[in-house]
């Protein structure tokens, strides 16, 4: 299945994978919140087993996968962001950088600070207790732009225009931390850095980043 997807993405095959996800919405099924799954990783496995109960029955090209999910918080936590539980049991990071020039205080960022050790323990639990045939994935990482907006808030869009040098320096810092964390997490599961299973159930011969914030930039700004 992995090679099938690699050939598709490398344009070596004209096959179009069919990914059908049939999520279990049976009434009465217990679903755990994000914070519950972080605190007790067995609950993340239980959520997966509940939700994916019927997916295999349709025989699509979906790759069974379970993610150790720290997307919105891991990198910001390493820089010192406060993490809180948002309504619905979701984990979020609060913006905390009041001035873009404050980023120069971040020197020799310890990638094992913040939530990193917790994320590693969480990933190890999933790795060691995963259901048979399920690919375990480290958390998706946000793009550097998304991480910057999370930590600086919407003012980062103004920084790109008013102080592009500092903004670019911050993006470089975030990129460095993100790349180093990817290597750490990939090493824990013995997976090559240049491949992953996306949350939609497809193999990628590369990395997948959550990059929603870019929709707020103009094409001209993106090129620059």
C-alpha atoms as a PDB file:
ATOM      1  CA  UNK A   1       0.000   0.000   0.000  1.00  0.00           C
ATOM      2  CA  UNK A   2       2.838   2.389   0.814  1.00  0.00           C
ATOM      3  CA  UNK A   3       4.470   1.899  -2.585  1.00  0.00           C
ATOM      4  CA  UNK A   4       1.102   2.375  -4.273  1.00  0.00           C
ATOM      5  CA  UNK A   5       0.799   5.846  -2.783  1.00  0.00           C
ATOM      6  CA  UNK A   6       4.439   6.718  -3.430  1.00  0.00           C
ATOM      7  CA  UNK A   7       4.015   5.794  -7.099  1.00  0.00           C
ATOM      8  CA  UNK A   8       0.861   7.906  -7.314  1.00  0.00           C
ATOM      9  CA  UNK A   9       2.470  10.985  -5.781  1.00  0.00           C
ATOM     10  CA  UNK A  10       5.593  10.522  -7.925  1.00  0.00           C
ATOM     11  CA  UNK A  11       3.391  10.314 -11.066  1.00  0.00           C
ATOM     12  CA  UNK A  12       4.629   6.784 -11.764  1.00  0.00           C
ATOM     13  CA  UNK A  13       1.075   5.457 -11.730  1.00  0.00           C
ATOM     14  CA  UNK A  14      -2.230   6.702 -13.088  1.00  0.00           C
ATOM     15  CA  UNK A  15      -4.151   4.850 -10.392  1.00  0.00           C
ATOM     16  CA  UNK A  16      -6.441   7.085  -8.326  1.00  0.00           C
ATOM     17  CA  UNK A  17      -6.602   5.817  -4.720  1.00  0.00           C
ATOM     18  CA  UNK A  18     -10.074   5.564  -3.250  1.00  0.00           C
ATOM     19  CA  UNK A  19     -10.144   6.538   0.415  1.00  0.00           C
ATOM     20  CA  UNK A  20     -13.463   5.938   2.112  1.00  0.00           C
ATOM     21  CA  UNK A  21     -13.792   6.615   5.826  1.00  0.00           C
ATOM     22  CA  UNK A  22     -16.909   5.225   7.469  1.00  0.00           C
ATOM     23  CA  UNK A  23     -16.859   6.619  10.980  1.00  0.00           C
ATOM     24  CA  UNK A  24     -18.905   4.951  13.664  1.00  0.00           C
ATOM     25  CA  UNK A  25     -21.692   7.220  14.879  1.00  0.00           C
ATOM     26  CA  UNK A  26     -23.539   4.598  16.876  1.00  0.00           C
ATOM     27  CA  UNK A  27     -25.475   6.288  19.683  1.00  0.00           C
ATOM     28  CA  UNK A  28     -24.170   5.610  23.142  1.00  0.00           C
ATOM     29  CA  UNK A  29     -20.540   5.168  22.084  1.00  0.00           C
ATOM     30  CA  UNK A  30     -18.092   6.810  24.449  1.00  0.00           C
ATOM     31  CA  UNK A  31     -15.878   9.429  22.795  1.00  0.00           C
ATOM     32  CA  UNK A  32     -13.012  10.936  24.724  1.00  0.00           C
ATOM     33  CA  UNK A  33     -11.909  14.550  24.390  1.00  0.00           C
ATOM     34  CA  UNK A  34      -8.491  15.621  23.176  1.00  0.00           C
ATOM     35  CA  UNK A  35      -7.308  16.436  26.689  1.00  0.00           C
ATOM     36  CA  UNK A  36      -8.526  13.055  27.960  1.00  0.00           C
ATOM     37  CA  UNK A  37      -6.618  11.281  25.199  1.00  0.00           C
ATOM     38  CA  UNK A  38      -3.464  13.207  26.035  1.00  0.00           C
ATOM     39  CA  UNK A  39      -3.645  12.429  29.721  1.00  0.00           C
ATOM     40  CA  UNK A  40      -4.468   8.754  29.152  1.00  0.00           C
ATOM     41  CA  UNK A  41      -3.172   7.550  25.772  1.00  0.00           C
ATOM     42  CA  UNK A  42      -5.155   4.330  26.055  1.00  0.00           C
ATOM     43  CA  UNK A  43      -8.217   6.520  25.509  1.00  0.00           C
ATOM     44  CA  UNK A  44      -6.723   7.647  22.185  1.00  0.00           C
ATOM     45  CA  UNK A  45      -6.552   3.983  21.179  1.00  0.00           C
ATOM     46  CA  UNK A  46     -10.115   3.420  22.405  1.00  0.00           C
ATOM     47  CA  UNK A  47     -11.326   6.394  20.347  1.00  0.00           C
ATOM     48  CA  UNK A  48      -9.631   4.955  17.268  1.00  0.00           C
ATOM     49  CA  UNK A  49     -11.182   1.523  17.763  1.00  0.00           C
ATOM     50  CA  UNK A  50     -14.628   3.039  18.221  1.00  0.00           C
ATOM     51  CA  UNK A  51     -14.463   5.463  15.299  1.00  0.00           C
ATOM     52  CA  UNK A  52     -12.899   3.077  12.774  1.00  0.00           C
ATOM     53  CA  UNK A  53     -15.134   0.109  13.544  1.00  0.00           C
ATOM     54  CA  UNK A  54     -16.631  -0.037  10.046  1.00  0.00           C
ATOM     55  CA  UNK A  55     -13.891   1.495   7.892  1.00  0.00           C
ATOM     56  CA  UNK A  56     -12.140  -1.722   6.901  1.00  0.00           C
ATOM     57  CA  UNK A  57     -15.404  -3.281   5.780  1.00  0.00           C
ATOM     58  CA  UNK A  58     -15.656  -1.087   2.669  1.00  0.00           C
ATOM     59  CA  UNK A  59     -12.313  -2.254   1.250  1.00  0.00           C
ATOM     60  CA  UNK A  60     -10.920   1.157   0.240  1.00  0.00           C
ATOM     61  CA  UNK A  61      -7.291   2.298   0.057  1.00  0.00           C
ATOM     62  CA  UNK A  62      -7.513   3.834   3.521  1.00  0.00           C
ATOM     63  CA  UNK A  63      -4.399   3.169   5.643  1.00  0.00           C
ATOM     64  CA  UNK A  64      -5.297   2.440   9.292  1.00  0.00           C
ATOM     65  CA  UNK A  65      -3.469   5.043  11.376  1.00  0.00           C
ATOM     66  CA  UNK A  66      -3.427   6.498  14.855  1.00  0.00           C
ATOM     67  CA  UNK A  67      -1.858   9.865  15.605  1.00  0.00           C
ATOM     68  CA  UNK A  68      -0.270  11.036  18.831  1.00  0.00           C
ATOM     69  CA  UNK A  69      -1.930  14.427  18.587  1.00  0.00           C
ATOM     70  CA  UNK A  70      -0.160  17.538  19.932  1.00  0.00           C
ATOM     71  CA  UNK A  71      -0.496  19.639  16.756  1.00  0.00           C
ATOM     72  CA  UNK A  72      -1.540  23.051  18.056  1.00  0.00           C
ATOM     73  CA  UNK A  73       0.611  23.061  21.167  1.00  0.00           C
ATOM     74  CA  UNK A  74       3.933  21.225  20.920  1.00  0.00           C
ATOM     75  CA  UNK A  75       6.133  23.807  19.191  1.00  0.00           C
ATOM     76  CA  UNK A  76       4.537  26.808  20.964  1.00  0.00           C
ATOM     77  CA  UNK A  77       5.052  25.058  24.318  1.00  0.00           C
ATOM     78  CA  UNK A  78       8.763  24.645  23.605  1.00  0.00           C
ATOM     79  CA  UNK A  79       8.986  28.421  23.134  1.00  0.00           C
ATOM     80  CA  UNK A  80       7.149  28.973  26.431  1.00  0.00           C
ATOM     81  CA  UNK A  81       3.486  29.329  25.466  1.00  0.00           C
ATOM     82  CA  UNK A  82       0.834  28.658  28.097  1.00  0.00           C
ATOM     83  CA  UNK A  83      -1.320  25.652  27.231  1.00  0.00           C
ATOM     84  CA  UNK A  84      -4.961  25.560  28.258  1.00  0.00           C
ATOM     85  CA  UNK A  85      -8.049  23.443  27.690  1.00  0.00           C
ATOM     86  CA  UNK A  86     -10.518  25.146  25.368  1.00  0.00           C
ATOM     87  CA  UNK A  87     -14.262  24.398  25.331  1.00  0.00           C
ATOM     88  CA  UNK A  88     -14.959  20.905  24.088  1.00  0.00           C
ATOM     89  CA  UNK A  89     -11.801  19.470  25.649  1.00  0.00           C
ATOM     90  CA  UNK A  90      -9.444  20.818  22.978  1.00  0.00           C
ATOM     91  CA  UNK A  91      -5.866  21.835  23.816  1.00  0.00           C
ATOM     92  CA  UNK A  92      -4.736  25.263  22.678  1.00  0.00           C
ATOM     93  CA  UNK A  93      -1.807  27.649  23.193  1.00  0.00           C
ATOM     94  CA  UNK A  94      -2.276  31.281  24.191  1.00  0.00           C
ATOM     95  CA  UNK A  95      -0.478  34.047  22.252  1.00  0.00           C
ATOM     96  CA  UNK A  96       2.213  35.441  24.513  1.00  0.00           C
ATOM     97  CA  UNK A  97       4.656  37.501  22.419  1.00  0.00           C
ATOM     98  CA  UNK A  98       3.751  41.166  22.856  1.00  0.00           C
ATOM     99  CA  UNK A  99       6.429  42.589  20.550  1.00  0.00           C
ATOM    100  CA  UNK A 100       7.982  40.822  17.560  1.00  0.00           C
ATOM    101  CA  UNK A 101      11.433  41.943  18.712  1.00  0.00           C
ATOM    102  CA  UNK A 102      10.964  39.854  21.846  1.00  0.00           C
ATOM    103  CA  UNK A 103      11.731  36.803  19.722  1.00  0.00           C
ATOM    104  CA  UNK A 104      15.437  37.589  20.035  1.00  0.00           C
ATOM    105  CA  UNK A 105      15.204  36.439  23.640  1.00  0.00           C
ATOM    106  CA  UNK A 106      14.785  32.890  22.330  1.00  0.00           C
ATOM    107  CA  UNK A 107      18.322  31.595  22.256  1.00  0.00           C
ATOM    108  CA  UNK A 108      19.320  27.934  22.252  1.00  0.00           C
ATOM    109  CA  UNK A 109      15.719  26.761  22.555  1.00  0.00           C
ATOM    110  CA  UNK A 110      15.536  23.457  24.436  1.00  0.00           C
ATOM    111  CA  UNK A 111      13.434  21.186  22.240  1.00  0.00           C
ATOM    112  CA  UNK A 112      12.883  18.890  25.216  1.00  0.00           C
ATOM    113  CA  UNK A 113      11.125  21.656  27.116  1.00  0.00           C
ATOM    114  CA  UNK A 114       7.408  22.381  27.138  1.00  0.00           C
ATOM    115  CA  UNK A 115       5.309  19.367  26.201  1.00  0.00           C
ATOM    116  CA  UNK A 116       8.034  17.421  24.389  1.00  0.00           C
ATOM    117  CA  UNK A 117       8.736  14.824  27.070  1.00  0.00           C
ATOM    118  CA  UNK A 118       4.997  14.244  27.490  1.00  0.00           C
ATOM    119  CA  UNK A 119       4.544  13.911  23.734  1.00  0.00           C
ATOM    120  CA  UNK A 120       7.366  11.347  23.597  1.00  0.00           C
ATOM    121  CA  UNK A 121       5.835   9.273  26.392  1.00  0.00           C
ATOM    122  CA  UNK A 122       2.458   9.462  24.661  1.00  0.00           C
ATOM    123  CA  UNK A 123       3.930   8.347  21.341  1.00  0.00           C
ATOM    124  CA  UNK A 124       5.794   5.461  22.985  1.00  0.00           C
ATOM    125  CA  UNK A 125       2.588   4.220  24.595  1.00  0.00           C
ATOM    126  CA  UNK A 126       0.774   4.203  21.266  1.00  0.00           C
ATOM    127  CA  UNK A 127       3.754   2.544  19.589  1.00  0.00           C
ATOM    128  CA  UNK A 128       3.886  -0.226  22.185  1.00  0.00           C
ATOM    129  CA  UNK A 129       0.129  -0.796  22.500  1.00  0.00           C
ATOM    130  CA  UNK A 130      -1.223  -0.122  19.008  1.00  0.00           C
ATOM    131  CA  UNK A 131      -3.745  -2.484  17.433  1.00  0.00           C
ATOM    132  CA  UNK A 132      -2.324  -4.870  14.834  1.00  0.00           C
ATOM    133  CA  UNK A 133      -2.050  -3.408  11.359  1.00  0.00           C
ATOM    134  CA  UNK A 134      -2.269   0.207  12.507  1.00  0.00           C
ATOM    135  CA  UNK A 135       0.413   2.758  11.609  1.00  0.00           C
ATOM    136  CA  UNK A 136       1.385   5.008  14.511  1.00  0.00           C
ATOM    137  CA  UNK A 137       2.203   8.594  13.632  1.00  0.00           C
ATOM    138  CA  UNK A 138       3.853  11.383  15.588  1.00  0.00           C
ATOM    139  CA  UNK A 139       1.809  14.526  15.845  1.00  0.00           C
ATOM    140  CA  UNK A 140       1.327  16.567  12.708  1.00  0.00           C
ATOM    141  CA  UNK A 141       3.302  19.764  12.959  1.00  0.00           C
ATOM    142  CA  UNK A 142       1.971  23.163  12.069  1.00  0.00           C
ATOM    143  CA  UNK A 143       3.737  25.182   9.433  1.00  0.00           C
ATOM    144  CA  UNK A 144       6.154  27.774  10.846  1.00  0.00           C
ATOM    145  CA  UNK A 145       3.686  30.496   9.833  1.00  0.00           C
ATOM    146  CA  UNK A 146       0.870  28.842  11.786  1.00  0.00           C
ATOM    147  CA  UNK A 147       3.087  28.417  14.853  1.00  0.00           C
ATOM    148  CA  UNK A 148       4.108  32.075  14.634  1.00  0.00           C
ATOM    149  CA  UNK A 149       0.476  33.205  14.477  1.00  0.00           C
ATOM    150  CA  UNK A 150      -0.417  30.994  17.432  1.00  0.00           C
ATOM    151  CA  UNK A 151       2.374  32.510  19.539  1.00  0.00           C
ATOM    152  CA  UNK A 152       2.134  36.121  18.357  1.00  0.00           C
ATOM    153  CA  UNK A 153      -1.547  36.266  17.486  1.00  0.00           C
ATOM    154  CA  UNK A 154      -2.938  38.098  14.484  1.00  0.00           C
ATOM    155  CA  UNK A 155      -0.322  40.826  14.920  1.00  0.00           C
ATOM    156  CA  UNK A 156       2.153  38.556  13.157  1.00  0.00           C
ATOM    157  CA  UNK A 157       0.449  39.373   9.870  1.00  0.00           C
ATOM    158  CA  UNK A 158       1.282  43.025  10.492  1.00  0.00           C
ATOM    159  CA  UNK A 159       4.840  42.060  11.462  1.00  0.00           C
ATOM    160  CA  UNK A 160       5.296  40.531   8.013  1.00  0.00           C
ATOM    161  CA  UNK A 161       4.657  43.983   6.553  1.00  0.00           C
ATOM    162  CA  UNK A 162       6.092  46.291   9.208  1.00  0.00           C
ATOM    163  CA  UNK A 163       9.074  44.299  10.466  1.00  0.00           C
ATOM    164  CA  UNK A 164       9.769  41.607   7.869  1.00  0.00           C
ATOM    165  CA  UNK A 165      13.307  40.955   9.100  1.00  0.00           C
ATOM    166  CA  UNK A 166      12.225  40.034  12.611  1.00  0.00           C
ATOM    167  CA  UNK A 167       9.260  38.106  11.240  1.00  0.00           C
ATOM    168  CA  UNK A 168      11.546  36.090   8.958  1.00  0.00           C
ATOM    169  CA  UNK A 169      13.982  35.484  11.814  1.00  0.00           C
ATOM    170  CA  UNK A 170      11.133  34.124  13.934  1.00  0.00           C
ATOM    171  CA  UNK A 171      10.024  31.810  11.133  1.00  0.00           C
ATOM    172  CA  UNK A 172      13.601  30.526  10.861  1.00  0.00           C
ATOM    173  CA  UNK A 173      13.697  29.817  14.609  1.00  0.00           C
ATOM    174  CA  UNK A 174      10.403  27.948  14.453  1.00  0.00           C
ATOM    175  CA  UNK A 175      11.539  25.982  11.396  1.00  0.00           C
ATOM    176  CA  UNK A 176      14.700  24.874  13.176  1.00  0.00           C
ATOM    177  CA  UNK A 177      12.788  23.713  16.258  1.00  0.00           C
ATOM    178  CA  UNK A 178      10.154  21.960  14.139  1.00  0.00           C
ATOM    179  CA  UNK A 179      12.723  20.048  12.075  1.00  0.00           C
ATOM    180  CA  UNK A 180      14.583  18.930  15.187  1.00  0.00           C
ATOM    181  CA  UNK A 181      11.372  17.748  16.832  1.00  0.00           C
ATOM    182  CA  UNK A 182      10.377  15.815  13.714  1.00  0.00           C
ATOM    183  CA  UNK A 183      13.660  13.908  13.872  1.00  0.00           C
ATOM    184  CA  UNK A 184      13.149  13.114  17.557  1.00  0.00           C
ATOM    185  CA  UNK A 185       9.591  11.855  17.042  1.00  0.00           C
ATOM    186  CA  UNK A 186      10.396   9.869  13.920  1.00  0.00           C
ATOM    187  CA  UNK A 187      13.279   8.186  15.698  1.00  0.00           C
ATOM    188  CA  UNK A 188      10.887   6.988  18.408  1.00  0.00           C
ATOM    189  CA  UNK A 189       8.850   4.953  15.914  1.00  0.00           C
ATOM    190  CA  UNK A 190      11.668   4.063  13.540  1.00  0.00           C
ATOM    191  CA  UNK A 191      10.052   5.819  10.601  1.00  0.00           C
ATOM    192  CA  UNK A 192      12.078   7.610   7.902  1.00  0.00           C
ATOM    193  CA  UNK A 193      11.852  11.381   8.085  1.00  0.00           C
ATOM    194  CA  UNK A 194      10.673  11.648   4.483  1.00  0.00           C
ATOM    195  CA  UNK A 195       7.481   9.643   4.804  1.00  0.00           C
ATOM    196  CA  UNK A 196       4.329   9.657   6.885  1.00  0.00           C
ATOM    197  CA  UNK A 197       0.719   8.552   6.983  1.00  0.00           C
ATOM    198  CA  UNK A 198      -1.659  11.505   6.842  1.00  0.00           C
ATOM    199  CA  UNK A 199      -4.748  11.707   9.025  1.00  0.00           C
ATOM    200  CA  UNK A 200      -6.879  11.009   5.935  1.00  0.00           C
ATOM    201  CA  UNK A 201      -5.300   7.581   5.678  1.00  0.00           C
ATOM    202  CA  UNK A 202      -2.812   8.047   2.847  1.00  0.00           C
ATOM    203  CA  UNK A 203       0.940   7.448   2.713  1.00  0.00           C
ATOM    204  CA  UNK A 204       3.028  10.497   1.824  1.00  0.00           C
ATOM    205  CA  UNK A 205       6.602  10.352   0.560  1.00  0.00           C
ATOM    206  CA  UNK A 206       7.333  13.524   2.480  1.00  0.00           C
ATOM    207  CA  UNK A 207       5.957  15.444   5.447  1.00  0.00           C
ATOM    208  CA  UNK A 208       2.503  16.861   6.071  1.00  0.00           C
ATOM    209  CA  UNK A 209       2.082  20.176   7.860  1.00  0.00           C
ATOM    210  CA  UNK A 210      -1.057  21.939   8.982  1.00  0.00           C
ATOM    211  CA  UNK A 211      -0.834  25.211   7.080  1.00  0.00           C
ATOM    212  CA  UNK A 212      -4.144  27.011   7.477  1.00  0.00           C
ATOM    213  CA  UNK A 213      -2.743  30.476   8.214  1.00  0.00           C
ATOM    214  CA  UNK A 214      -1.410  30.989   4.696  1.00  0.00           C
ATOM    215  CA  UNK A 215      -4.947  31.688   3.430  1.00  0.00           C
ATOM    216  CA  UNK A 216      -4.674  35.101   5.097  1.00  0.00           C
ATOM    217  CA  UNK A 217      -1.703  36.146   2.942  1.00  0.00           C
ATOM    218  CA  UNK A 218      -1.869  37.617  -0.529  1.00  0.00           C
ATOM    219  CA  UNK A 219      -0.131  35.830  -3.428  1.00  0.00           C
ATOM    220  CA  UNK A 220       2.330  38.745  -3.564  1.00  0.00           C
ATOM    221  CA  UNK A 221       3.181  38.391   0.118  1.00  0.00           C
ATOM    222  CA  UNK A 222       3.651  34.630  -0.231  1.00  0.00           C
ATOM    223  CA  UNK A 223       6.061  35.095  -3.154  1.00  0.00           C
ATOM    224  CA  UNK A 224       8.060  37.676  -1.213  1.00  0.00           C
END
